[in-house]
Amino acid sequence: MKRLLWIGCLSYFLIGLAHVVLGSVLPVMLEHYGREYSEGGMLIFTQFAGFLVGVLVSPLINRRFGKRGGLLIAAGLLTAAEFLYTLLPPWEWLYVIAVAAGFGFGMIEAVIGTIIIAAIKDKTAVAMSRLEVFFGVGAMVMPMIASGFITQEWWKFSFFVVSLFSFVTLLFWSRSSFGEADAVLDTRGDTASAEGEEPVGKAAYKYRGSAFGILALFIVFFFLYVGTEMSLANFMPAILIEKLGVMKETAALSITCFWVAMSVGRIFAGTLAEKIHYRVYVLLSCLLTLMMLIIFPFAEQVWAAFTIILMLGLFMSGLFSIALVFASKLLEGSEESTPSILIASGGIGGAILPLVTGWSLDHLPLHQAVWLFAIFAVGLVVLSVAAYSLQIRQPSTGPGARHEEGKALL
């Protein structure tokens, strides 16, 4: 099981690389092709559209080819797509490549989560937290690599690094044996595994009445959160270049700062959320994020901008995972279906909101465009207040329930 977990961590490291590589080189890439930010936003939209498709169709591919087969397909597609990015084909072809890349890392993320939950029975939440840390490390390292390549005018090889890691990951999954977990990896069709695994894609929970309202609330929350996170990660370098006139390689490091803070924050997020309660953690994180995004337009020095970016990373670090558990607790019994629905809604936000951000950077003055992030954060605060109120009204959320939730998270 340790081997399975560590290869899972390698896979999440790869996903972190793939998520941010395009944003890390986007300013210089747009300059190379002579394109505008709105077209860059469309490229990011296309990639996350592919991500969404990868998440949604992964259960179908898992049934047909097994989870290992699905991973090999996804990793192979990601390897090919990132290599084609390196060749700098005509701009129109980049949209096709973006769909393939997004499909690849979207499916890998969905399948790895399913594998870990199905195969690791003890301390599953701890395993998932470790995966999230490696995702953050990958997202942190990639801008540093890109910055070095940009300095040497080799920026296109940033994509080759992702392609290489994807190929290595493919080899590990194809050649490794995981003992009893092999049955989970290689099972095909709708039959349950020997250990009682639910058929892939089966969703017994029915969202009716207030449950449907809670689900809708969190769908919008994840739409806004992931869209905001991806907009920041992909357009922060461009904003710093336009706003403060920093060098391109320095601007690329802003994403590294963001993900350094993300990775550090995720180490402590679970313990903190257990102590203060999930609803309080989510609300405070959203409020502090809004505060930073209100201050950001007034930052006129590079050090101030980077400080705010670090704080944003810390305050946003646990929102995804804690809100995911928070939603599952409010919708008790829906653990098999709610996470996948919310991840998919996040994928839609990650596709649409960067498109809106790219358009705003092209058609609005920069000092107005950066306020868009604060508007997104206002929506998160409103939704987190609503979720806070909902859980307070539930009789099962007293101190004992909090203790059980903390144990589940850890």
Protein backbone atom coordinates (compact mmCIF):
# COMPACT_ATOMS: atom_id res chain seq x y z
CA MET A 1 0.00 0.00 0.00
CA LYS A 2 2.92 2.35 0.63
CA ARG A 3 4.04 1.87 -2.96
CA LEU A 4 0.53 2.64 -4.17
CA LEU A 5 0.39 5.79 -2.08
CA TRP A 6 3.79 7.06 -3.21
CA ILE A 7 3.02 6.51 -6.88
CA GLY A 8 -0.28 8.26 -6.22
CA CYS A 9 1.72 11.17 -4.77
CA LEU A 10 3.90 11.21 -7.90
CA SER A 11 0.72 11.37 -9.97
CA TYR A 12 -0.61 14.32 -7.96
CA PHE A 13 2.78 16.03 -8.28
CA LEU A 14 2.35 15.62 -12.05
CA ILE A 15 -1.16 17.08 -11.88
CA GLY A 16 0.24 20.10 -10.03
CA LEU A 17 2.82 20.61 -12.78
CA ALA A 18 0.20 20.29 -15.51
CA HIS A 19 -2.28 22.64 -13.84
CA VAL A 20 0.04 25.65 -13.81
CA VAL A 21 2.53 25.17 -16.66
CA LEU A 22 0.38 27.06 -19.15
CA GLY A 23 -0.13 30.01 -16.82
CA SER A 24 3.59 30.08 -15.95
CA VAL A 25 4.60 30.78 -19.55
CA LEU A 26 1.41 32.45 -20.78
CA PRO A 27 2.75 36.04 -21.10
CA VAL A 28 5.76 35.01 -23.17
CA MET A 29 3.68 32.47 -25.10
CA LEU A 30 1.14 35.13 -26.07
CA GLU A 31 3.98 37.41 -27.10
CA HIS A 32 5.46 34.64 -29.27
CA TYR A 33 2.16 34.07 -31.07
CA GLY A 34 1.16 37.75 -31.12
CA ARG A 35 -2.08 37.06 -29.25
CA GLU A 36 -4.08 38.95 -26.61
CA TYR A 37 -4.97 37.97 -23.05
CA SER A 38 -8.55 37.14 -24.00
CA GLU A 39 -7.18 34.51 -26.38
CA GLY A 40 -4.98 33.21 -23.58
CA GLY A 41 -8.09 33.01 -21.41
CA MET A 42 -9.81 31.01 -24.17
CA LEU A 43 -6.86 28.60 -24.25
CA ILE A 44 -7.11 28.09 -20.48
CA PHE A 45 -10.89 27.69 -20.83
CA THR A 46 -10.34 25.00 -23.45
CA GLN A 47 -7.87 23.14 -21.26
CA PHE A 48 -10.25 23.12 -18.30
CA ALA A 49 -13.12 22.07 -20.54
CA GLY A 50 -10.98 19.04 -21.32
CA PHE A 51 -10.35 18.64 -17.58
CA LEU A 52 -14.09 18.58 -16.93
CA VAL A 53 -14.68 15.97 -19.62
CA GLY A 54 -11.86 13.85 -18.17
CA VAL A 55 -13.44 13.95 -14.70
CA LEU A 56 -16.91 13.12 -16.00
CA VAL A 57 -16.00 10.25 -18.33
CA SER A 58 -13.46 8.60 -16.01
CA PRO A 59 -16.10 6.23 -14.51
CA LEU A 60 -17.02 5.02 -18.01
CA ILE A 61 -13.40 4.42 -18.99
CA ASN A 62 -12.72 2.74 -15.65
CA ARG A 63 -15.56 0.30 -16.28
CA ARG A 64 -14.28 -0.48 -19.75
CA PHE A 65 -10.53 -0.68 -19.11
CA GLY A 66 -10.14 -0.82 -15.32
CA LYS A 67 -8.63 1.94 -13.19
CA ARG A 68 -5.06 1.09 -14.18
CA GLY A 69 -6.05 1.08 -17.84
CA GLY A 70 -7.77 4.43 -17.41
CA LEU A 71 -4.65 5.88 -15.81
CA LEU A 72 -2.46 4.64 -18.64
CA ILE A 73 -4.78 6.19 -21.22
CA ALA A 74 -4.84 9.51 -19.35
CA ALA A 75 -1.09 9.62 -18.73
CA GLY A 76 -0.36 8.69 -22.35
CA LEU A 77 -2.64 11.46 -23.60
CA LEU A 78 -1.07 13.99 -21.25
CA THR A 79 2.45 12.94 -22.30
CA ALA A 80 1.61 13.41 -25.98
CA ALA A 81 -0.22 16.72 -25.46
CA GLU A 82 2.55 18.35 -23.43
CA PHE A 83 5.15 17.20 -25.97
CA LEU A 84 3.10 18.76 -28.78
CA TYR A 85 2.98 22.02 -26.82
CA THR A 86 6.78 21.95 -26.90
CA LEU A 87 6.77 21.92 -30.70
CA LEU A 88 4.89 25.27 -30.76
CA PRO A 89 2.41 24.33 -33.49
CA PRO A 90 0.07 26.90 -35.10
CA TRP A 91 -2.12 28.68 -32.56
CA GLU A 92 -5.33 27.02 -33.72
CA TRP A 93 -3.89 23.59 -32.97
CA LEU A 94 -3.18 24.63 -29.39
CA TYR A 95 -6.90 24.43 -28.60
CA VAL A 96 -6.99 20.76 -29.59
CA ILE A 97 -3.82 20.08 -27.59
CA ALA A 98 -5.27 21.94 -24.59
CA VAL A 99 -8.38 19.74 -24.60
CA ALA A 100 -6.18 16.61 -24.66
CA ALA A 101 -3.92 17.89 -21.86
CA GLY A 102 -6.87 18.90 -19.68
CA PHE A 103 -8.59 15.57 -20.29
CA GLY A 104 -5.41 13.76 -19.27
CA PHE A 105 -4.75 15.45 -15.94
CA GLY A 106 -8.46 15.71 -15.13
CA MET A 107 -8.92 11.99 -15.52
CA ILE A 108 -5.73 11.22 -13.56
CA GLU A 109 -7.01 13.33 -10.64
CA ALA A 110 -10.41 11.62 -10.64
CA VAL A 111 -9.03 8.08 -10.96
CA ILE A 112 -6.31 8.49 -8.32
CA GLY A 113 -8.89 9.72 -5.81
CA THR A 114 -11.07 6.70 -6.55
CA ILE A 115 -8.13 4.30 -6.22
CA ILE A 116 -6.97 5.70 -2.87
CA ILE A 117 -10.47 5.62 -1.39
CA ALA A 118 -11.11 2.08 -2.66
CA ALA A 119 -7.73 0.53 -1.85
CA ILE A 120 -6.57 2.27 1.34
CA LYS A 121 -9.11 1.41 4.04
CA ASP A 122 -7.29 2.87 7.08
CA LYS A 123 -6.64 6.61 7.46
CA THR A 124 -7.93 7.36 3.97
CA ALA A 125 -8.22 11.07 4.75
CA VAL A 126 -4.54 11.21 5.75
CA ALA A 127 -3.61 9.64 2.43
CA MET A 128 -5.73 12.13 0.51
CA SER A 129 -4.15 15.03 2.43
CA ARG A 130 -0.71 13.78 1.45
CA LEU A 131 -1.77 13.73 -2.19
CA GLU A 132 -2.95 17.34 -1.93
CA VAL A 133 0.42 18.40 -0.50
CA PHE A 134 2.21 16.84 -3.49
CA PHE A 135 -0.18 18.61 -5.84
CA GLY A 136 0.85 21.88 -4.19
CA VAL A 137 4.54 21.02 -4.48
CA GLY A 138 4.14 20.35 -8.20
CA ALA A 139 2.27 23.61 -8.70
CA MET A 140 5.00 25.37 -6.71
CA VAL A 141 7.96 23.87 -8.56
CA MET A 142 6.69 24.37 -12.11
CA PRO A 143 6.83 28.19 -12.11
CA MET A 144 10.41 28.01 -10.81
CA ILE A 145 11.35 25.72 -13.68
CA ALA A 146 9.50 27.97 -16.13
CA SER A 147 11.23 31.07 -14.76
CA GLY A 148 14.63 29.51 -15.39
CA PHE A 149 13.67 28.51 -18.91
CA ILE A 150 12.22 31.97 -19.64
CA THR A 151 15.52 33.54 -18.55
CA GLN A 152 17.36 31.43 -21.13
CA GLU A 153 14.59 31.91 -23.73
CA TRP A 154 13.87 28.17 -23.61
CA TRP A 155 10.37 28.62 -22.19
CA LYS A 156 8.80 26.02 -24.48
CA PHE A 157 10.76 23.27 -22.70
CA SER A 158 8.59 23.86 -19.62
CA PHE A 159 6.00 21.72 -21.42
CA PHE A 160 8.62 19.06 -22.14
CA VAL A 161 9.32 18.74 -18.39
CA VAL A 162 5.65 17.94 -17.79
CA SER A 163 5.65 15.49 -20.69
CA LEU A 164 8.69 13.74 -19.24
CA PHE A 165 7.17 13.41 -15.77
CA SER A 166 3.94 12.16 -17.31
CA PHE A 167 5.84 9.46 -19.20
CA VAL A 168 7.67 8.39 -16.03
CA THR A 169 4.34 8.21 -14.18
CA LEU A 170 2.91 6.09 -17.00
CA LEU A 171 5.82 3.66 -16.67
CA PHE A 172 5.35 3.35 -12.90
CA TRP A 173 1.65 2.57 -13.22
CA SER A 174 2.19 0.09 -16.05
CA ARG A 175 5.04 -1.86 -14.42
CA SER A 176 4.26 -1.76 -10.69
CA SER A 177 2.47 -4.39 -8.66
CA PHE A 178 0.52 -3.41 -5.53
CA GLY A 179 -0.42 -6.77 -4.06
CA GLU A 180 -4.05 -6.89 -2.96
CA ALA A 181 -4.68 -3.47 -4.47
CA ASP A 182 -4.14 -4.90 -7.96
CA ALA A 183 -7.67 -6.29 -7.78
CA VAL A 184 -9.02 -2.76 -7.33
CA LEU A 185 -6.81 -1.40 -10.11
CA ASP A 186 -7.62 -4.04 -12.71
CA THR A 187 -11.31 -4.80 -12.04
CA ARG A 188 -13.50 -3.99 -15.04
CA GLY A 189 -17.24 -3.75 -15.53
CA ASP A 190 -19.93 -2.96 -12.98
CA THR A 191 -19.29 -5.87 -10.65
CA ALA A 192 -18.13 -5.03 -7.18
CA SER A 193 -14.68 -6.00 -6.07
CA ALA A 194 -13.97 -8.75 -3.61
CA GLU A 195 -13.71 -6.17 -0.83
CA GLY A 196 -17.20 -4.82 -1.46
CA GLU A 197 -16.36 -1.83 -3.61
CA GLU A 198 -19.37 -0.02 -5.04
CA PRO A 199 -19.82 -0.32 -8.80
CA VAL A 200 -18.16 2.57 -10.55
CA GLY A 201 -20.54 5.42 -11.21
CA LYS A 202 -23.27 4.13 -8.90
CA ALA A 203 -24.88 6.93 -6.90
CA ALA A 204 -27.49 5.66 -4.44
CA TYR A 205 -27.96 9.01 -2.66
CA LYS A 206 -30.93 11.05 -3.87
CA TYR A 207 -30.75 14.84 -3.55
CA ARG A 208 -34.22 16.00 -2.57
CA GLY A 209 -35.60 19.06 -0.79
CA SER A 210 -33.05 20.82 1.41
CA ALA A 211 -30.33 18.38 0.33
CA PHE A 212 -30.66 19.62 -3.25
CA GLY A 213 -30.38 23.21 -2.03
CA ILE A 214 -27.21 22.41 -0.04
CA LEU A 215 -25.71 20.66 -3.05
CA ALA A 216 -26.53 23.63 -5.29
CA LEU A 217 -24.90 26.00 -2.77
CA PHE A 218 -21.66 24.04 -2.78
CA ILE A 219 -21.71 23.60 -6.55
CA VAL A 220 -21.64 27.39 -6.89
CA PHE A 221 -19.03 27.63 -4.12
CA PHE A 222 -16.65 25.22 -5.86
CA PHE A 223 -17.34 26.90 -9.21
CA LEU A 224 -16.21 30.22 -7.75
CA TYR A 225 -13.34 28.86 -5.66
CA VAL A 226 -11.59 26.81 -8.35
CA GLY A 227 -12.25 29.50 -10.94
CA THR A 228 -10.68 32.12 -8.67
CA GLU A 229 -7.71 29.91 -7.83
CA MET A 230 -7.03 29.12 -11.50
CA SER A 231 -7.48 32.74 -12.55
CA LEU A 232 -4.94 33.83 -9.95
CA ALA A 233 -2.50 31.06 -10.85
CA ASN A 234 -2.71 31.69 -14.60
CA PHE A 235 -2.93 35.49 -14.80
CA MET A 236 -0.96 36.69 -11.78
CA PRO A 237 2.33 36.90 -13.76
CA ALA A 238 0.64 38.91 -16.51
CA ILE A 239 -0.94 41.24 -13.95
CA LEU A 240 2.39 41.85 -12.21
CA ILE A 241 4.09 42.59 -15.54
CA GLU A 242 1.40 45.10 -16.52
CA LYS A 243 0.88 46.61 -13.05
CA LEU A 244 4.43 46.80 -11.68
CA GLY A 245 6.62 46.32 -14.75
CA VAL A 246 8.49 43.33 -13.32
CA MET A 247 10.58 41.03 -15.50
CA LYS A 248 8.80 38.02 -16.99
CA GLU A 249 10.94 35.50 -15.10
CA THR A 250 10.27 37.33 -11.82
CA ALA A 251 6.56 37.45 -12.54
CA ALA A 252 6.52 33.68 -13.11
CA LEU A 253 7.86 33.23 -9.56
CA SER A 254 4.65 34.78 -8.20
CA ILE A 255 2.93 31.45 -8.90
CA THR A 256 5.68 29.67 -6.97
CA CYS A 257 5.06 31.95 -3.97
CA PHE A 258 1.35 31.24 -4.19
CA TRP A 259 1.84 27.47 -4.23
CA VAL A 260 4.56 27.50 -1.55
CA ALA A 261 2.02 29.08 0.77
CA MET A 262 -0.65 26.65 -0.46
CA SER A 263 1.54 23.63 0.30
CA VAL A 264 2.51 24.85 3.77
CA GLY A 265 -1.06 25.77 4.64
CA ARG A 266 -2.39 22.36 3.62
CA ILE A 267 -0.11 20.67 6.15
CA PHE A 268 -1.91 22.41 9.01
CA ALA A 269 -5.39 22.96 7.55
CA GLY A 270 -6.89 19.71 8.83
CA THR A 271 -5.77 20.19 12.44
CA LEU A 272 -6.92 23.80 12.46
CA ALA A 273 -10.31 22.96 10.94
CA GLU A 274 -10.83 20.26 13.60
CA LYS A 275 -10.17 22.71 16.40
CA ILE A 276 -12.35 25.58 15.19
CA HIS A 277 -14.97 23.58 13.22
CA TYR A 278 -15.28 23.24 9.46
CA ARG A 279 -17.90 25.97 9.09
CA VAL A 280 -15.72 28.48 10.97
CA TYR A 281 -12.61 27.52 8.99
CA VAL A 282 -14.35 27.95 5.63
CA LEU A 283 -15.93 31.28 6.61
CA LEU A 284 -12.71 32.73 8.04
CA SER A 285 -10.69 31.58 5.03
CA CYS A 286 -13.14 33.25 2.65
CA LEU A 287 -13.18 36.48 4.68
CA LEU A 288 -9.38 36.67 4.83
CA THR A 289 -9.12 35.90 1.12
CA LEU A 290 -11.54 38.72 0.37
CA MET A 291 -9.50 41.07 2.55
CA MET A 292 -6.30 40.29 0.63
CA LEU A 293 -8.00 40.70 -2.75
CA ILE A 294 -9.38 44.09 -1.68
CA ILE A 295 -5.88 45.22 -0.65
CA PHE A 296 -4.13 43.83 -3.76
CA PRO A 297 -5.17 46.60 -6.23
CA PHE A 298 -3.46 49.13 -3.94
CA ALA A 299 -0.11 47.28 -3.86
CA GLU A 300 2.38 49.47 -5.71
CA GLN A 301 5.59 47.71 -4.68
CA VAL A 302 6.80 44.28 -5.75
CA TRP A 303 7.41 43.18 -2.15
CA ALA A 304 3.87 44.18 -1.18
CA ALA A 305 2.36 42.28 -4.11
CA PHE A 306 4.35 39.14 -3.31
CA THR A 307 3.40 39.40 0.38
CA ILE A 308 -0.28 39.51 -0.55
CA ILE A 309 0.19 36.54 -2.90
CA LEU A 310 1.77 34.54 -0.04
CA MET A 311 -1.10 35.43 2.27
CA LEU A 312 -3.62 34.43 -0.40
CA GLY A 313 -1.95 31.04 -0.70
CA LEU A 314 -2.12 30.49 3.06
CA PHE A 315 -5.73 31.60 3.43
CA MET A 316 -6.95 29.61 0.41
CA SER A 317 -4.85 26.50 1.06
CA GLY A 318 -7.41 24.38 2.87
CA LEU A 319 -10.60 25.68 1.28
CA PHE A 320 -10.94 22.96 -1.34
CA SER A 321 -10.40 19.92 0.88
CA ILE A 322 -12.15 21.28 4.00
CA ALA A 323 -15.17 22.51 2.01
CA LEU A 324 -15.34 19.08 0.34
CA VAL A 325 -15.53 17.36 3.73
CA PHE A 326 -17.88 20.08 5.03
CA ALA A 327 -20.32 19.45 2.18
CA SER A 328 -20.16 15.69 2.69
CA LYS A 329 -20.98 16.13 6.41
CA LEU A 330 -23.95 18.35 5.64
CA LEU A 331 -25.14 15.73 3.13
CA GLU A 332 -24.52 12.66 5.25
CA GLY A 333 -24.71 9.47 3.21
CA SER A 334 -23.72 11.15 -0.06
CA GLU A 335 -19.97 10.55 0.27
CA GLU A 336 -19.89 8.43 -2.90
CA SER A 337 -21.43 11.09 -5.14
CA THR A 338 -20.99 14.57 -3.65
CA PRO A 339 -17.17 14.86 -4.03
CA SER A 340 -17.22 13.98 -7.74
CA ILE A 341 -20.06 16.44 -8.41
CA LEU A 342 -18.21 19.23 -6.62
CA ILE A 343 -14.89 18.46 -8.33
CA ALA A 344 -16.71 18.64 -11.67
CA SER A 345 -18.31 21.98 -10.77
CA GLY A 346 -14.86 23.23 -9.80
CA GLY A 347 -13.63 22.15 -13.22
CA ILE A 348 -16.36 24.23 -14.87
CA GLY A 349 -15.34 27.24 -12.80
CA GLY A 350 -11.70 26.64 -13.67
CA ALA A 351 -12.68 26.80 -17.32
CA ILE A 352 -15.10 29.74 -17.34
CA LEU A 353 -13.70 32.26 -14.84
CA PRO A 354 -10.20 32.44 -16.39
CA LEU A 355 -11.99 33.15 -19.68
CA VAL A 356 -13.80 36.06 -18.00
CA THR A 357 -10.54 37.22 -16.40
CA GLY A 358 -8.68 37.16 -19.72
CA TRP A 359 -11.46 39.18 -21.37
CA SER A 360 -11.41 41.76 -18.56
CA LEU A 361 -7.63 42.22 -18.85
CA ASP A 362 -8.03 42.99 -22.55
CA HIS A 363 -11.11 45.22 -22.39
CA LEU A 364 -10.89 46.97 -19.02
CA PRO A 365 -8.20 49.15 -17.42
CA LEU A 366 -5.95 46.97 -15.28
CA HIS A 367 -6.94 48.69 -12.03
CA GLN A 368 -10.56 47.73 -12.76
CA ALA A 369 -9.84 44.22 -14.00
CA VAL A 370 -8.03 43.16 -10.79
CA TRP A 371 -11.16 43.99 -8.76
CA LEU A 372 -12.81 41.03 -10.48
CA PHE A 373 -11.01 38.70 -8.04
CA ALA A 374 -12.53 40.54 -5.09
CA ILE A 375 -15.99 40.18 -6.66
CA PHE A 376 -15.47 36.42 -6.89
CA ALA A 377 -14.38 36.38 -3.23
CA VAL A 378 -17.52 38.28 -2.18
CA GLY A 379 -19.53 35.41 -3.66
CA LEU A 380 -17.47 32.91 -1.65
CA VAL A 381 -18.10 34.84 1.56
CA VAL A 382 -21.86 34.98 0.95
CA LEU A 383 -22.01 31.25 0.25
CA SER A 384 -19.84 30.37 3.24
CA VAL A 385 -22.14 32.43 5.51
CA ALA A 386 -25.11 30.50 4.13
CA ALA A 387 -23.35 27.16 4.72
CA TYR A 388 -22.38 28.29 8.24
CA SER A 389 -26.02 29.03 9.03
CA LEU A 390 -27.17 25.71 7.59
CA GLN A 391 -24.84 23.67 9.79
CA ILE A 392 -25.71 25.62 12.93
CA ARG A 393 -29.35 24.68 12.38
CA GLN A 394 -28.49 20.98 12.09
CA PRO A 395 -28.87 19.23 15.49
CA SER A 396 -26.07 16.75 14.75
CA THR A 397 -23.33 19.35 14.62
CA GLY A 398 -22.53 19.74 18.31
CA PRO A 399 -19.16 19.21 19.99
CA GLY A 400 -19.39 15.46 19.63
CA ALA A 401 -20.06 15.76 15.92
CA ARG A 402 -17.14 18.13 15.63
CA HIS A 403 -14.87 15.59 17.28
CA GLU A 404 -16.02 12.87 14.89
CA GLU A 405 -15.52 15.20 11.94
CA GLY A 406 -12.02 15.98 13.11
CA LYS A 407 -11.21 12.29 13.36
CA ALA A 408 -12.56 11.73 9.88
CA LEU A 409 -10.44 14.50 8.45
CA LEU A 410 -7.27 13.29 10.12
